[in-house]
Amino acid sequence: MAKFLSLFLLLLLIFTLFSSTPSNALGGRVGGRTQIKDVKTNQEIQDLGRYCVEEHNRNLQKQNGLLSFSQVVEAEKQVVSGIKYYLKISATTSAGAPKMFDAVVVVKAWEKKKELLTFSPSPSPATK
């Protein structure tokens, strides 16, 4: 009877630990988006924003309308097969006008790979 009770308590403890901990080793809930704090001072996030603008410009193949990166102003992350970042980026157009863009980029650190999925003008607050 004591062995049964010990086994039951051990299984209960294991179940409790895994069911009450939604985080994983990457620091986020699997599948859920997490707001990233201190975005403007986070060098990794700012570098990702710069990468997104550079990739956008590269995809334009040097057409008119290239952008100049200013800063990432908001960011969220989502744990998927890697980490998917949702960035709001401030950039300057070739005409010198500041503009906001939304970008989604996936980083797979173990493959040393990142991929820009989307990059588009941010809707203005009035149209959200």
Protein backbone atom coordinates (compact mmCIF):
# COMPACT_ATOMS: atom_id res chain seq x y z
CA MET A 1 0.00 0.00 0.00
CA ALA A 2 2.86 2.41 0.81
CA LYS A 3 4.44 1.81 -2.62
CA PHE A 4 1.12 2.53 -4.32
CA LEU A 5 0.66 5.75 -2.34
CA SER A 6 4.25 6.86 -3.11
CA LEU A 7 3.78 6.15 -6.81
CA PHE A 8 0.45 8.00 -6.83
CA LEU A 9 1.99 11.06 -5.11
CA LEU A 10 4.93 11.05 -7.52
CA LEU A 11 2.63 10.92 -10.54
CA LEU A 12 0.45 13.66 -9.05
CA LEU A 13 3.51 15.85 -8.52
CA ILE A 14 4.72 15.32 -12.09
CA PHE A 15 1.27 16.05 -13.51
CA THR A 16 0.98 19.21 -11.41
CA LEU A 17 4.37 20.49 -12.50
CA PHE A 18 3.75 20.00 -16.21
CA SER A 19 0.15 21.19 -16.26
CA SER A 20 0.73 24.39 -14.31
CA THR A 21 3.82 25.56 -16.20
CA PRO A 22 2.84 26.95 -19.61
CA SER A 23 6.35 28.24 -20.29
CA ASN A 24 9.05 26.39 -22.07
CA ALA A 25 12.83 26.66 -22.20
CA LEU A 26 12.62 29.49 -24.76
CA GLY A 27 10.85 31.76 -22.29
CA GLY A 28 7.36 31.87 -23.75
CA ARG A 29 4.12 29.98 -23.88
CA VAL A 30 4.00 27.55 -26.76
CA GLY A 31 1.60 28.98 -29.32
CA GLY A 32 0.78 32.19 -27.44
CA ARG A 33 2.12 35.66 -28.18
CA THR A 34 4.15 37.42 -25.52
CA GLN A 35 4.79 41.17 -25.38
CA ILE A 36 8.50 42.05 -25.37
CA LYS A 37 9.36 44.79 -22.87
CA ASP A 38 12.06 47.45 -23.26
CA VAL A 39 12.03 47.06 -27.05
CA LYS A 40 13.91 50.29 -27.75
CA THR A 41 16.89 49.18 -25.61
CA ASN A 42 16.82 45.52 -26.68
CA GLN A 43 19.70 45.21 -29.17
CA GLU A 44 18.57 41.81 -30.47
CA ILE A 45 15.10 43.19 -31.36
CA GLN A 46 16.57 46.34 -32.93
CA ASP A 47 18.90 44.15 -35.03
CA LEU A 48 15.91 42.06 -36.15
CA GLY A 49 14.10 45.23 -37.20
CA ARG A 50 17.13 46.38 -39.17
CA TYR A 51 17.30 42.93 -40.82
CA CYS A 52 13.61 43.21 -41.83
CA VAL A 53 14.14 46.59 -43.50
CA GLU A 54 17.28 45.36 -45.27
CA GLU A 55 15.45 42.26 -46.55
CA HIS A 56 12.52 44.41 -47.70
CA ASN A 57 14.93 46.68 -49.59
CA ARG A 58 16.78 43.68 -51.08
CA ASN A 59 13.48 42.20 -52.28
CA LEU A 60 12.69 45.46 -54.07
CA GLN A 61 15.89 44.91 -56.11
CA LYS A 62 16.98 48.53 -55.82
CA GLN A 63 13.76 50.02 -57.17
CA ASN A 64 12.65 53.44 -55.99
CA GLY A 65 11.15 53.53 -52.53
CA LEU A 66 13.96 52.04 -50.43
CA LEU A 67 13.59 52.46 -46.69
CA SER A 68 16.00 53.54 -43.99
CA PHE A 69 15.61 51.77 -40.63
CA SER A 70 14.88 54.01 -37.63
CA GLN A 71 13.84 51.70 -34.76
CA VAL A 72 11.53 48.93 -33.60
CA VAL A 73 8.82 50.52 -31.45
CA GLU A 74 6.77 47.44 -30.45
CA ALA A 75 7.44 43.71 -30.48
CA GLU A 76 5.82 40.42 -29.59
CA LYS A 77 7.15 36.89 -29.83
CA GLN A 78 5.48 33.54 -30.33
CA VAL A 79 7.13 30.18 -29.77
CA VAL A 80 6.63 27.99 -32.83
CA SER A 81 9.24 25.89 -34.60
CA GLY A 82 11.68 28.60 -33.59
CA ILE A 83 10.53 32.03 -32.44
CA LYS A 84 8.21 34.16 -34.54
CA TYR A 85 8.57 37.90 -33.92
CA TYR A 86 5.86 40.45 -34.68
CA LEU A 87 7.54 43.85 -35.03
CA LYS A 88 6.26 47.38 -35.49
CA ILE A 89 9.09 49.23 -37.22
CA SER A 90 9.64 52.92 -37.77
CA ALA A 91 11.48 53.61 -41.03
CA THR A 92 12.07 56.58 -43.28
CA THR A 93 11.06 56.51 -46.95
CA SER A 94 13.39 57.67 -49.71
CA ALA A 95 11.37 60.92 -49.73
CA GLY A 96 12.34 61.48 -46.08
CA ALA A 97 8.92 60.75 -44.59
CA PRO A 98 8.73 58.63 -41.42
CA LYS A 99 6.40 55.66 -41.74
CA MET A 100 5.38 52.63 -39.65
CA PHE A 101 5.59 49.04 -40.89
CA ASP A 102 4.51 45.67 -39.55
CA ALA A 103 6.92 42.78 -40.01
CA VAL A 104 6.86 39.10 -39.10
CA VAL A 105 10.16 37.25 -38.92
CA VAL A 106 10.97 33.71 -37.78
CA VAL A 107 14.28 32.94 -36.08
CA LYS A 108 15.61 29.39 -35.79
CA ALA A 109 18.72 29.89 -33.67
CA TRP A 110 19.84 26.26 -33.85
CA GLU A 111 20.00 26.58 -37.66
CA LYS A 112 21.46 30.10 -37.48
CA LYS A 113 18.61 31.12 -39.77
CA LYS A 114 16.04 33.91 -39.90
CA GLU A 115 13.34 34.49 -42.47
CA LEU A 116 11.24 37.56 -43.15
CA LEU A 117 7.66 36.34 -43.68
CA THR A 118 5.80 39.62 -44.13
CA PHE A 119 6.62 43.31 -44.32
CA SER A 120 3.87 45.83 -44.96
CA PRO A 121 2.78 49.37 -44.07
CA SER A 122 1.11 49.55 -40.68
CA PRO A 123 -2.55 50.49 -40.82
CA SER A 124 -3.15 53.92 -39.38
CA PRO A 125 -4.76 53.95 -35.90
CA ALA A 126 -8.04 55.24 -37.37
CA THR A 127 -8.38 52.17 -39.63
CA LYS A 128 -7.71 49.50 -37.01
